């Protein structure tokens, strides 16, 4: 009888220990899943800024006689970013993009003072590029490609930086758990930037 009671006590103790450790295991699993989803979004953002910087590097100040003039350069940069974000298989939600920044980059890759152009999400109301209206519109223009001496003019040419800020919303039930602590706690702000030297012969 005492032996049977001992087996039952051990099983009861095992259930208690399992119930205590299960939440920790679930948190670890959900955390790994959430990290994987966030990392996938971050990769997509990295691709988009690289494509935007590559476009800006190639276009420089545009060409006064066309086909892309100086006033259109930044729209083509943003169009390159948008194409990657909205491409098939992309996990990035275009409406969660806070802003796209096109800036004159310093030697260390940072922003050169206030020489930054900011674009924000305005679905279908942006400039038309290749027959399609962009989902972003320019909100500030402090670094114009049309200003003499900027970008590809002179030697050495400037470097163009393209940055993006993005709100990532948790996908797994981990988000609901974080919401207990208040609004906005179940999201992360992801950012990425790419800097490339502008082709001196691009203009």
N, C-alpha and C. Protein backbone atom coordinates (compact mmCIF):
# COMPACT_ATOMS: atom_id res chain seq x y z
N UNK A 1 0.82 -1.20 0.00
CA UNK A 1 0.00 0.00 0.00
C UNK A 1 0.87 1.27 0.00
N UNK A 2 1.90 1.25 0.87
CA UNK A 2 2.79 2.42 0.94
C UNK A 2 3.57 2.59 -0.35
N UNK A 3 3.91 1.46 -1.01
CA UNK A 3 4.63 1.55 -2.28
C UNK A 3 3.75 2.18 -3.35
N UNK A 4 2.46 1.77 -3.39
CA UNK A 4 1.51 2.34 -4.35
C UNK A 4 1.34 3.83 -4.11
N UNK A 5 1.22 4.20 -2.83
CA UNK A 5 1.09 5.61 -2.50
C UNK A 5 2.33 6.40 -2.94
N UNK A 6 3.48 5.78 -2.80
CA UNK A 6 4.72 6.44 -3.21
C UNK A 6 4.76 6.70 -4.70
N UNK A 7 4.30 5.75 -5.51
CA UNK A 7 4.26 5.93 -6.97
C UNK A 7 3.33 7.07 -7.34
N UNK A 8 2.17 7.12 -6.68
CA UNK A 8 1.22 8.19 -6.98
C UNK A 8 1.79 9.55 -6.60
N UNK A 9 2.48 9.61 -5.50
CA UNK A 9 3.09 10.87 -5.06
C UNK A 9 4.14 11.35 -6.06
N UNK A 10 4.92 10.39 -6.60
CA UNK A 10 5.94 10.75 -7.59
C UNK A 10 5.30 11.27 -8.86
N UNK A 11 4.18 10.60 -9.28
CA UNK A 11 3.49 11.06 -10.49
C UNK A 11 2.91 12.45 -10.27
N UNK A 12 2.35 12.68 -9.09
CA UNK A 12 1.81 14.00 -8.77
C UNK A 12 2.89 15.07 -8.77
N UNK A 13 4.05 14.73 -8.24
CA UNK A 13 5.16 15.68 -8.22
C UNK A 13 5.64 15.98 -9.63
N UNK A 14 5.65 14.94 -10.49
CA UNK A 14 6.06 15.14 -11.88
C UNK A 14 5.13 16.06 -12.62
N UNK A 15 3.81 15.92 -12.37
CA UNK A 15 2.83 16.79 -13.01
C UNK A 15 3.00 18.23 -12.57
N UNK A 16 3.25 18.43 -11.29
CA UNK A 16 3.45 19.79 -10.78
C UNK A 16 4.69 20.42 -11.41
N UNK A 17 5.78 19.66 -11.47
CA UNK A 17 7.02 20.18 -12.06
C UNK A 17 6.81 20.50 -13.54
N UNK A 18 6.09 19.61 -14.25
CA UNK A 18 5.84 19.84 -15.68
C UNK A 18 5.00 21.09 -15.89
N UNK A 19 3.97 21.28 -15.04
CA UNK A 19 3.11 22.46 -15.18
C UNK A 19 3.87 23.75 -14.88
N UNK A 20 4.91 23.65 -14.05
CA UNK A 20 5.72 24.83 -13.74
C UNK A 20 6.67 25.18 -14.87
N UNK A 21 7.21 24.16 -15.53
CA UNK A 21 8.21 24.41 -16.57
C UNK A 21 7.60 24.63 -17.95
N UNK A 22 6.33 24.18 -18.14
CA UNK A 22 5.69 24.32 -19.45
C UNK A 22 5.59 25.77 -19.92
N UNK A 23 5.16 26.73 -19.08
CA UNK A 23 5.11 28.13 -19.55
C UNK A 23 6.46 28.65 -20.01
N UNK A 24 7.52 28.24 -19.33
CA UNK A 24 8.86 28.68 -19.72
C UNK A 24 9.23 28.12 -21.10
N UNK A 25 8.91 26.85 -21.31
CA UNK A 25 9.19 26.22 -22.61
C UNK A 25 8.40 26.91 -23.71
N UNK A 26 7.11 27.20 -23.45
CA UNK A 26 6.27 27.86 -24.44
C UNK A 26 6.79 29.26 -24.77
N UNK A 27 7.24 29.99 -23.74
CA UNK A 27 7.80 31.32 -23.98
C UNK A 27 9.04 31.24 -24.86
N UNK A 28 9.89 30.26 -24.60
CA UNK A 28 11.10 30.09 -25.41
C UNK A 28 10.75 29.76 -26.85
N UNK A 29 9.79 28.86 -27.04
CA UNK A 29 9.39 28.47 -28.40
C UNK A 29 8.77 29.65 -29.15
N UNK A 30 7.86 30.36 -28.49
CA UNK A 30 7.22 31.51 -29.13
C UNK A 30 8.25 32.61 -29.42
N UNK A 31 9.19 32.78 -28.50
CA UNK A 31 10.23 33.78 -28.71
C UNK A 31 11.09 33.46 -29.92
N UNK A 32 11.43 32.19 -30.09
CA UNK A 32 12.23 31.79 -31.26
C UNK A 32 11.45 31.98 -32.55
N UNK A 33 10.15 31.61 -32.51
CA UNK A 33 9.31 31.80 -33.69
C UNK A 33 9.19 33.28 -34.04
N UNK A 34 8.96 34.12 -33.03
CA UNK A 34 8.80 35.55 -33.27
C UNK A 34 10.08 36.16 -33.81
N UNK A 35 11.21 35.73 -33.25
CA UNK A 35 12.49 36.22 -33.75
C UNK A 35 12.67 35.85 -35.23
N UNK A 36 12.27 34.63 -35.59
CA UNK A 36 12.38 34.21 -36.98
C UNK A 36 11.54 35.07 -37.91
N UNK A 37 10.31 35.36 -37.50
CA UNK A 37 9.44 36.22 -38.32
C UNK A 37 10.03 37.63 -38.45
N UNK A 38 10.49 38.18 -37.33
CA UNK A 38 11.07 39.53 -37.35
C UNK A 38 12.33 39.57 -38.21
N UNK A 39 13.13 38.53 -38.12
CA UNK A 39 14.36 38.47 -38.92
C UNK A 39 14.04 38.42 -40.41
N UNK A 40 12.98 37.71 -40.77
CA UNK A 40 12.54 37.64 -42.16
C UNK A 40 12.14 39.02 -42.66
N UNK A 41 11.42 39.78 -41.83
CA UNK A 41 11.06 41.15 -42.21
C UNK A 41 12.30 42.02 -42.34
N UNK A 42 13.25 41.86 -41.43
CA UNK A 42 14.47 42.66 -41.47
C UNK A 42 15.28 42.40 -42.74
N UNK A 43 15.31 41.15 -43.18
CA UNK A 43 16.01 40.82 -44.42
C UNK A 43 15.36 41.53 -45.60
N UNK A 44 14.02 41.52 -45.63
CA UNK A 44 13.31 42.21 -46.70
C UNK A 44 13.59 43.70 -46.71
N UNK A 45 13.65 44.31 -45.54
CA UNK A 45 13.96 45.74 -45.45
C UNK A 45 15.38 46.01 -45.95
N UNK A 46 16.30 45.11 -45.63
CA UNK A 46 17.68 45.26 -46.10
C UNK A 46 17.77 45.20 -47.61
N UNK A 47 17.05 44.27 -48.22
CA UNK A 47 17.02 44.18 -49.68
C UNK A 47 16.47 45.48 -50.28
N UNK A 48 15.44 46.02 -49.66
CA UNK A 48 14.80 47.21 -50.23
C UNK A 48 15.72 48.43 -50.19
N UNK A 49 16.44 48.63 -49.08
CA UNK A 49 17.33 49.79 -49.02
C UNK A 49 18.52 49.64 -49.97
N UNK A 50 18.98 48.41 -50.13
CA UNK A 50 20.09 48.19 -51.07
C UNK A 50 19.66 48.50 -52.51
N UNK A 51 18.45 48.09 -52.85
CA UNK A 51 17.95 48.36 -54.20
C UNK A 51 17.75 49.86 -54.41
N UNK A 52 17.25 50.53 -53.38
CA UNK A 52 17.07 51.97 -53.48
C UNK A 52 18.39 52.71 -53.61
N UNK A 53 19.37 52.34 -52.80
CA UNK A 53 20.68 52.99 -52.85
C UNK A 53 21.37 52.71 -54.19
N UNK A 54 21.21 51.49 -54.70
CA UNK A 54 21.80 51.15 -56.00
C UNK A 54 21.20 52.01 -57.12
N UNK A 55 19.90 52.23 -57.05
CA UNK A 55 19.24 53.07 -58.04
C UNK A 55 19.72 54.51 -57.94
N UNK A 56 19.78 55.04 -56.71
CA UNK A 56 20.25 56.41 -56.53
C UNK A 56 21.70 56.59 -56.93
N UNK A 57 22.52 55.57 -56.69
CA UNK A 57 23.92 55.62 -57.08
C UNK A 57 24.07 55.69 -58.60
N UNK A 58 23.24 54.92 -59.29
CA UNK A 58 23.33 54.88 -60.75
C UNK A 58 22.77 56.14 -61.40
N UNK A 59 21.71 56.72 -60.81
CA UNK A 59 21.07 57.88 -61.43
C UNK A 59 21.78 59.19 -61.12
N UNK A 60 22.41 59.30 -59.96
CA UNK A 60 23.10 60.53 -59.59
C UNK A 60 22.15 61.71 -59.56
N UNK A 61 22.37 62.69 -60.42
CA UNK A 61 21.51 63.86 -60.51
C UNK A 61 20.54 63.78 -61.69
N UNK A 62 20.45 62.62 -62.29
CA UNK A 62 19.58 62.49 -63.45
C UNK A 62 20.20 63.14 -64.68
N UNK A 63 19.40 63.28 -65.69
CA UNK A 63 19.86 63.86 -66.95
C UNK A 63 18.90 64.95 -67.38
N UNK A 64 19.38 66.19 -67.55
CA UNK A 64 18.47 67.29 -67.90
C UNK A 64 17.65 67.01 -69.16
N UNK A 65 18.20 66.24 -70.08
CA UNK A 65 17.49 65.96 -71.33
C UNK A 65 16.69 64.66 -71.26
N UNK A 66 16.63 64.06 -70.08
CA UNK A 66 15.85 62.83 -69.91
C UNK A 66 16.71 61.59 -70.11
N UNK A 67 16.15 60.41 -69.93
CA UNK A 67 14.73 60.16 -69.65
C UNK A 67 14.34 60.42 -68.19
N UNK A 68 15.31 60.51 -67.27
CA UNK A 68 15.01 60.77 -65.86
C UNK A 68 15.71 62.07 -65.46
N UNK A 69 14.92 63.07 -65.14
CA UNK A 69 15.49 64.36 -64.78
C UNK A 69 15.81 64.39 -63.28
N UNK A 70 16.50 65.45 -62.86
CA UNK A 70 16.91 65.55 -61.46
C UNK A 70 15.73 65.53 -60.50
N UNK A 71 14.62 66.12 -60.91
CA UNK A 71 13.46 66.18 -60.02
C UNK A 71 12.77 64.83 -59.86
N UNK A 72 13.13 63.86 -60.70
CA UNK A 72 12.50 62.55 -60.65
C UNK A 72 13.36 61.49 -59.98
N UNK A 73 14.60 61.82 -59.70
CA UNK A 73 15.55 60.82 -59.19
C UNK A 73 15.03 60.16 -57.92
N UNK A 74 14.63 60.96 -56.93
CA UNK A 74 14.22 60.38 -55.65
C UNK A 74 12.98 59.51 -55.79
N UNK A 75 12.08 59.86 -56.69
CA UNK A 75 10.89 59.04 -56.91
C UNK A 75 11.29 57.66 -57.43
N UNK A 76 12.31 57.61 -58.27
CA UNK A 76 12.78 56.32 -58.77
C UNK A 76 13.48 55.52 -57.67
N UNK A 77 14.15 56.22 -56.77
CA UNK A 77 14.76 55.55 -55.62
C UNK A 77 13.69 54.90 -54.75
N UNK A 78 12.65 55.66 -54.45
CA UNK A 78 11.55 55.13 -53.64
C UNK A 78 10.82 54.01 -54.37
N UNK A 79 10.67 54.15 -55.69
CA UNK A 79 10.02 53.09 -56.48
C UNK A 79 10.80 51.79 -56.38
N UNK A 80 12.13 51.89 -56.36
CA UNK A 80 12.96 50.68 -56.23
C UNK A 80 12.76 50.03 -54.87
N UNK A 81 12.67 50.86 -53.82
CA UNK A 81 12.40 50.33 -52.48
C UNK A 81 11.03 49.66 -52.44
N UNK A 82 10.04 50.32 -53.01
CA UNK A 82 8.68 49.80 -52.98
C UNK A 82 8.54 48.49 -53.76
N UNK A 83 9.25 48.38 -54.87
CA UNK A 83 9.17 47.15 -55.67
C UNK A 83 9.61 45.94 -54.86
N UNK A 84 10.67 46.10 -54.08
CA UNK A 84 11.15 44.99 -53.26
C UNK A 84 10.15 44.67 -52.16
N UNK A 85 9.65 45.71 -51.49
CA UNK A 85 8.70 45.50 -50.39
C UNK A 85 7.45 44.77 -50.87
N UNK A 86 6.97 45.13 -52.07
CA UNK A 86 5.71 44.58 -52.56
C UNK A 86 5.90 43.39 -53.50
N UNK A 87 7.11 42.90 -53.61
CA UNK A 87 7.37 41.78 -54.51
C UNK A 87 6.76 40.49 -53.95
N UNK A 88 6.44 39.54 -54.83
CA UNK A 88 5.88 38.26 -54.36
C UNK A 88 6.83 37.57 -53.38
N UNK A 89 6.28 37.09 -52.30
CA UNK A 89 7.09 36.42 -51.29
C UNK A 89 7.59 37.32 -50.19
N UNK A 90 7.48 38.64 -50.37
CA UNK A 90 7.92 39.56 -49.33
C UNK A 90 6.96 39.51 -48.15
N UNK A 91 7.51 39.48 -46.95
CA UNK A 91 6.70 39.47 -45.74
C UNK A 91 6.45 40.87 -45.20
N UNK A 92 7.11 41.86 -45.80
CA UNK A 92 7.00 43.24 -45.33
C UNK A 92 5.66 43.83 -45.75
N UNK A 93 4.96 44.44 -44.81
CA UNK A 93 3.68 45.10 -45.10
C UNK A 93 3.96 46.57 -45.42
N UNK A 94 3.63 46.98 -46.62
CA UNK A 94 3.97 48.33 -47.06
C UNK A 94 3.33 49.39 -46.17
N UNK A 95 2.14 49.12 -45.64
CA UNK A 95 1.46 50.11 -44.80
C UNK A 95 2.07 50.24 -43.41
N UNK A 96 3.02 49.38 -43.08
CA UNK A 96 3.70 49.47 -41.79
C UNK A 96 5.03 50.22 -41.89
N UNK A 97 5.35 50.70 -43.09
CA UNK A 97 6.58 51.49 -43.26
C UNK A 97 6.34 52.89 -42.71
N UNK A 98 7.13 53.28 -41.72
CA UNK A 98 6.98 54.60 -41.11
C UNK A 98 7.51 55.69 -42.03
N UNK A 99 8.70 55.46 -42.58
CA UNK A 99 9.29 56.46 -43.46
C UNK A 99 10.45 55.86 -44.25
N UNK A 100 10.71 56.48 -45.39
CA UNK A 100 11.89 56.19 -46.20
C UNK A 100 12.73 57.46 -46.22
N UNK A 101 14.01 57.33 -45.91
CA UNK A 101 14.90 58.49 -45.84
C UNK A 101 15.98 58.38 -46.92
N UNK A 102 16.12 59.42 -47.71
CA UNK A 102 17.18 59.50 -48.72
C UNK A 102 18.11 60.62 -48.26
N UNK A 103 19.37 60.30 -48.04
CA UNK A 103 20.23 61.29 -47.40
C UNK A 103 21.64 61.31 -47.98
N UNK A 104 22.25 62.47 -47.81
CA UNK A 104 23.67 62.64 -48.13
C UNK A 104 24.46 61.98 -47.01
N UNK A 105 25.23 60.95 -47.35
CA UNK A 105 25.90 60.15 -46.34
C UNK A 105 27.31 60.68 -46.05
N UNK A 106 27.68 60.62 -44.78
CA UNK A 106 29.03 60.98 -44.37
C UNK A 106 29.97 59.80 -44.63
N UNK A 107 31.26 60.03 -44.36
CA UNK A 107 32.24 58.97 -44.57
C UNK A 107 31.98 57.76 -43.69
N UNK A 108 31.34 57.98 -42.53
CA UNK A 108 31.05 56.88 -41.62
C UNK A 108 29.69 56.24 -41.90
N UNK A 109 28.98 56.75 -42.91
CA UNK A 109 27.69 56.17 -43.28
C UNK A 109 26.50 56.79 -42.60
N UNK A 110 26.71 57.84 -41.80
CA UNK A 110 25.60 58.52 -41.14
C UNK A 110 25.02 59.61 -42.01
N UNK A 111 24.00 60.28 -41.49
CA UNK A 111 23.36 61.37 -42.22
C UNK A 111 24.18 62.64 -42.08
N UNK A 112 24.35 63.34 -43.18
CA UNK A 112 25.14 64.57 -43.21
C UNK A 112 24.25 65.74 -42.79
N UNK A 113 24.15 65.94 -41.48
CA UNK A 113 23.33 67.04 -40.97
C UNK A 113 21.86 66.88 -41.33
N UNK A 114 21.31 67.94 -41.92
CA UNK A 114 19.88 67.94 -42.27
C UNK A 114 19.64 67.61 -43.74
N UNK A 115 20.66 67.15 -44.43
CA UNK A 115 20.51 66.84 -45.86
C UNK A 115 19.80 65.50 -46.02
N UNK A 116 18.51 65.52 -45.70
CA UNK A 116 17.70 64.30 -45.70
C UNK A 116 16.36 64.60 -46.37
N UNK A 117 15.93 63.71 -47.24
CA UNK A 117 14.60 63.78 -47.84
C UNK A 117 13.76 62.66 -47.25
N UNK A 118 12.58 63.00 -46.73
CA UNK A 118 11.74 62.03 -46.05
C UNK A 118 10.48 61.76 -46.87
N UNK A 119 10.19 60.48 -47.05
CA UNK A 119 8.99 60.03 -47.75
C UNK A 119 8.15 59.20 -46.78
N UNK A 120 6.85 59.42 -46.78
CA UNK A 120 5.96 58.67 -45.89
C UNK A 120 4.85 57.99 -46.70
N UNK A 121 4.20 57.04 -46.04
CA UNK A 121 3.19 56.21 -46.69
C UNK A 121 1.90 56.99 -46.98
N UNK A 122 1.58 57.11 -48.24
CA UNK A 122 0.34 57.74 -48.70
C UNK A 122 -0.16 56.90 -49.88
N UNK A 123 -0.89 55.82 -49.62
CA UNK A 123 -1.19 54.81 -50.64
C UNK A 123 -1.79 55.36 -51.93
N UNK A 124 -1.09 55.08 -53.03
CA UNK A 124 -1.57 55.40 -54.37
C UNK A 124 -1.62 56.86 -54.73
N UNK A 125 -1.01 57.74 -53.90
CA UNK A 125 -1.08 59.18 -54.19
C UNK A 125 0.29 59.80 -54.45
N UNK A 126 1.31 58.95 -54.54
CA UNK A 126 2.66 59.47 -54.78
C UNK A 126 2.91 59.74 -56.26
N UNK A 127 4.13 60.16 -56.60
CA UNK A 127 4.47 60.40 -58.00
C UNK A 127 4.31 59.14 -58.84
N UNK A 128 4.06 59.33 -60.11
CA UNK A 128 3.90 58.20 -61.02
C UNK A 128 5.26 57.80 -61.58
N UNK A 129 5.61 56.54 -61.41
CA UNK A 129 6.86 55.99 -61.94
C UNK A 129 6.52 54.75 -62.75
N UNK A 130 6.94 54.74 -63.99
CA UNK A 130 6.65 53.62 -64.90
C UNK A 130 5.16 53.31 -64.97
N UNK A 131 4.36 54.37 -64.96
CA UNK A 131 2.92 54.22 -65.14
C UNK A 131 2.13 53.90 -63.88
N UNK A 132 2.81 53.77 -62.73
CA UNK A 132 2.12 53.44 -61.49
C UNK A 132 2.40 54.50 -60.42
N UNK A 133 1.34 54.89 -59.72
CA UNK A 133 1.51 55.87 -58.63
C UNK A 133 2.14 55.19 -57.43
N UNK A 134 3.14 55.82 -56.86
CA UNK A 134 3.81 55.27 -55.68
C UNK A 134 2.90 55.35 -54.46
N UNK A 135 3.20 54.49 -53.48
CA UNK A 135 2.47 54.51 -52.21
C UNK A 135 3.14 55.41 -51.18
N UNK A 136 4.09 56.23 -51.64
CA UNK A 136 4.80 57.13 -50.74
C UNK A 136 4.89 58.51 -51.38
N UNK A 137 4.82 59.54 -50.54
CA UNK A 137 4.95 60.92 -51.01
C UNK A 137 6.04 61.62 -50.22
N UNK A 138 6.68 62.58 -50.86
CA UNK A 138 7.78 63.30 -50.22
C UNK A 138 7.23 64.32 -49.24
N UNK A 139 7.75 64.28 -48.02
CA UNK A 139 7.32 65.20 -46.97
C UNK A 139 8.35 66.30 -46.71
N UNK A 140 9.59 66.04 -47.02
CA UNK A 140 10.63 67.07 -46.86
C UNK A 140 11.69 66.86 -47.93
N UNK A 141 12.27 67.96 -48.39
CA UNK A 141 13.27 67.88 -49.47
C UNK A 141 14.43 68.82 -49.14
N UNK A 142 15.38 68.33 -48.37
CA UNK A 142 16.53 69.15 -47.96
C UNK A 142 17.78 68.82 -48.77
N UNK A 143 17.73 67.75 -49.58
CA UNK A 143 18.90 67.35 -50.36
C UNK A 143 18.46 67.10 -51.80
N UNK A 144 18.34 68.17 -52.54
CA UNK A 144 17.81 68.08 -53.90
C UNK A 144 18.87 67.61 -54.88
N UNK A 145 18.47 66.73 -55.77
CA UNK A 145 19.37 66.29 -56.84
C UNK A 145 19.53 67.37 -57.89
N UNK A 146 18.70 68.41 -57.84
CA UNK A 146 18.75 69.48 -58.83
C UNK A 146 19.66 70.63 -58.40
N UNK A 147 20.15 70.61 -57.18
CA UNK A 147 21.00 71.69 -56.69
C UNK A 147 22.41 71.53 -57.22
N UNK A 148 22.93 72.57 -57.79
CA UNK A 148 24.28 72.52 -58.37
C UNK A 148 25.30 72.17 -57.29
N UNK A 149 26.18 71.23 -57.60
CA UNK A 149 27.23 70.84 -56.68
C UNK A 149 26.86 69.67 -55.81
N UNK A 150 25.61 69.24 -55.85
CA UNK A 150 25.20 68.11 -55.04
C UNK A 150 25.37 66.80 -55.79
N UNK A 151 25.37 65.74 -55.02
CA UNK A 151 25.37 64.38 -55.51
C UNK A 151 26.54 64.09 -56.44
N UNK A 152 26.31 63.88 -57.73
CA UNK A 152 27.40 63.38 -58.57
C UNK A 152 28.29 64.48 -59.14
N UNK A 153 27.95 65.74 -58.92
CA UNK A 153 28.80 66.82 -59.44
C UNK A 153 30.09 66.93 -58.64
N UNK A 154 31.16 67.23 -59.33
CA UNK A 154 32.43 67.42 -58.66
C UNK A 154 33.11 66.11 -58.32
N UNK A 155 34.26 66.22 -57.70
CA UNK A 155 35.02 65.02 -57.32
C UNK A 155 35.61 65.24 -55.93
N UNK A 156 35.46 64.28 -55.01
CA UNK A 156 34.73 63.04 -55.21
C UNK A 156 33.22 63.25 -55.14
N UNK A 157 32.49 62.40 -55.79
CA UNK A 157 31.03 62.48 -55.73
C UNK A 157 30.54 62.13 -54.33
N UNK A 158 29.35 62.60 -54.01
CA UNK A 158 28.76 62.27 -52.72
C UNK A 158 28.38 60.79 -52.66
N UNK A 159 28.03 60.35 -51.46
CA UNK A 159 27.47 59.02 -51.27
C UNK A 159 26.01 59.17 -50.89
N UNK A 160 25.18 58.33 -51.44
CA UNK A 160 23.75 58.38 -51.15
C UNK A 160 23.40 57.30 -50.14
N UNK A 161 22.59 57.67 -49.18
CA UNK A 161 22.11 56.71 -48.20
C UNK A 161 20.61 56.57 -48.32
N UNK A 162 20.12 55.36 -48.19
CA UNK A 162 18.68 55.11 -48.19
C UNK A 162 18.36 54.33 -46.92
N UNK A 163 17.50 54.90 -46.10
CA UNK A 163 17.11 54.26 -44.84
C UNK A 163 15.62 54.03 -44.78
N UNK A 164 15.22 53.10 -43.96
CA UNK A 164 13.80 52.78 -43.81
C UNK A 164 13.51 52.46 -42.36
N UNK A 165 12.36 52.93 -41.87
CA UNK A 165 11.88 52.59 -40.53
C UNK A 165 10.55 51.88 -40.67
N UNK A 166 10.38 50.83 -39.89
CA UNK A 166 9.25 49.93 -40.09
C UNK A 166 8.71 49.44 -38.75
N UNK A 167 7.40 49.37 -38.64
CA UNK A 167 6.78 48.83 -37.43
C UNK A 167 6.44 47.37 -37.64
N UNK A 168 7.08 46.51 -36.87
CA UNK A 168 6.81 45.08 -36.94
C UNK A 168 5.86 44.70 -35.83
N UNK A 169 4.71 44.14 -36.19
CA UNK A 169 3.74 43.68 -35.21
C UNK A 169 3.94 42.20 -34.95
N UNK A 170 3.93 41.82 -33.68
CA UNK A 170 4.14 40.42 -33.32
C UNK A 170 3.10 39.53 -34.00
N UNK A 171 3.53 38.38 -34.46
CA UNK A 171 2.68 37.45 -35.18
C UNK A 171 2.14 36.35 -34.27
N UNK A 172 2.96 35.88 -33.37
CA UNK A 172 2.59 34.76 -32.50
C UNK A 172 1.77 35.26 -31.30
N UNK A 173 1.21 34.34 -30.51
CA UNK A 173 0.47 34.73 -29.30
C UNK A 173 1.31 35.52 -28.29
N UNK A 174 2.61 35.57 -28.52
CA UNK A 174 3.47 36.37 -27.65
C UNK A 174 3.03 37.83 -27.65
N UNK A 175 2.49 38.27 -28.80
CA UNK A 175 2.02 39.65 -28.91
C UNK A 175 0.88 39.93 -27.96
N UNK A 176 -0.07 38.98 -27.87
CA UNK A 176 -1.20 39.15 -26.96
C UNK A 176 -0.73 39.21 -25.51
N UNK A 177 0.31 38.46 -25.20
CA UNK A 177 0.84 38.47 -23.85
C UNK A 177 1.49 39.83 -23.53
N UNK A 178 2.20 40.39 -24.50
CA UNK A 178 2.84 41.69 -24.28
C UNK A 178 1.82 42.82 -24.19
N UNK A 179 0.67 42.65 -24.87
CA UNK A 179 -0.35 43.69 -24.83
C UNK A 179 -0.87 43.95 -23.43
N UNK A 180 -0.67 43.00 -22.55
CA UNK A 180 -1.08 43.18 -21.15
C UNK A 180 -0.39 44.39 -20.54
N UNK A 181 0.84 44.67 -21.01
CA UNK A 181 1.63 45.77 -20.45
C UNK A 181 1.30 47.11 -21.08
N UNK A 182 0.34 47.13 -22.01
CA UNK A 182 -0.08 48.40 -22.60
C UNK A 182 0.03 48.40 -24.11
N UNK A 183 -0.64 49.36 -24.77
CA UNK A 183 -0.60 49.44 -26.23
C UNK A 183 0.80 49.74 -26.74
N UNK A 184 1.13 49.14 -27.88
CA UNK A 184 2.43 49.38 -28.50
C UNK A 184 3.53 48.47 -28.01
N UNK A 185 3.26 47.68 -26.97
CA UNK A 185 4.31 46.80 -26.45
C UNK A 185 4.43 45.52 -27.27
N UNK A 186 3.46 45.25 -28.14
CA UNK A 186 3.50 44.04 -28.97
C UNK A 186 4.00 44.36 -30.37
N UNK A 187 4.85 45.35 -30.49
CA UNK A 187 5.44 45.71 -31.78
C UNK A 187 6.88 46.16 -31.58
N UNK A 188 7.63 46.11 -32.66
CA UNK A 188 9.02 46.54 -32.65
C UNK A 188 9.24 47.50 -33.81
N UNK A 189 10.14 48.45 -33.63
CA UNK A 189 10.55 49.31 -34.74
C UNK A 189 11.83 48.76 -35.33
N UNK A 190 11.74 48.33 -36.59
CA UNK A 190 12.91 47.82 -37.30
C UNK A 190 13.41 48.91 -38.24
N UNK A 191 14.71 48.98 -38.42
CA UNK A 191 15.27 49.97 -39.33
C UNK A 191 16.46 49.37 -40.07
N UNK A 192 16.71 49.91 -41.25
CA UNK A 192 17.84 49.48 -42.05
C UNK A 192 18.29 50.65 -42.91
N UNK A 193 19.56 50.68 -43.24
CA UNK A 193 20.07 51.71 -44.15
C UNK A 193 21.20 51.14 -44.99
N UNK A 194 21.30 51.64 -46.20
CA UNK A 194 22.38 51.25 -47.11
C UNK A 194 23.00 52.51 -47.71
N UNK A 195 24.31 52.56 -47.76
CA UNK A 195 25.03 53.70 -48.32
C UNK A 195 25.88 53.23 -49.49
N UNK A 196 25.80 53.96 -50.59
CA UNK A 196 26.62 53.65 -51.76
C UNK A 196 27.17 54.93 -52.36
N UNK A 197 28.40 54.85 -52.86
CA UNK A 197 29.00 56.00 -53.55
C UNK A 197 28.27 56.24 -54.86
N UNK A 198 28.02 57.51 -55.15
CA UNK A 198 27.33 57.85 -56.39
C UNK A 198 28.31 57.83 -57.55
N UNK A 199 27.89 57.23 -58.62
CA UNK A 199 28.72 57.17 -59.83
C UNK A 199 28.98 58.60 -60.34
N UNK A 200 30.25 59.04 -60.38
CA UNK A 200 30.53 60.41 -60.82
C UNK A 200 30.01 60.71 -62.21
N UNK A 201 29.87 59.70 -63.02
CA UNK A 201 29.38 59.92 -64.39
C UNK A 201 27.90 59.69 -64.53
N UNK A 202 27.19 59.68 -63.40
CA UNK A 202 25.77 59.35 -63.45
C UNK A 202 24.91 60.49 -63.97
N UNK A 203 25.39 61.73 -63.79
CA UNK A 203 24.54 62.85 -64.19
C UNK A 203 24.58 63.07 -65.69
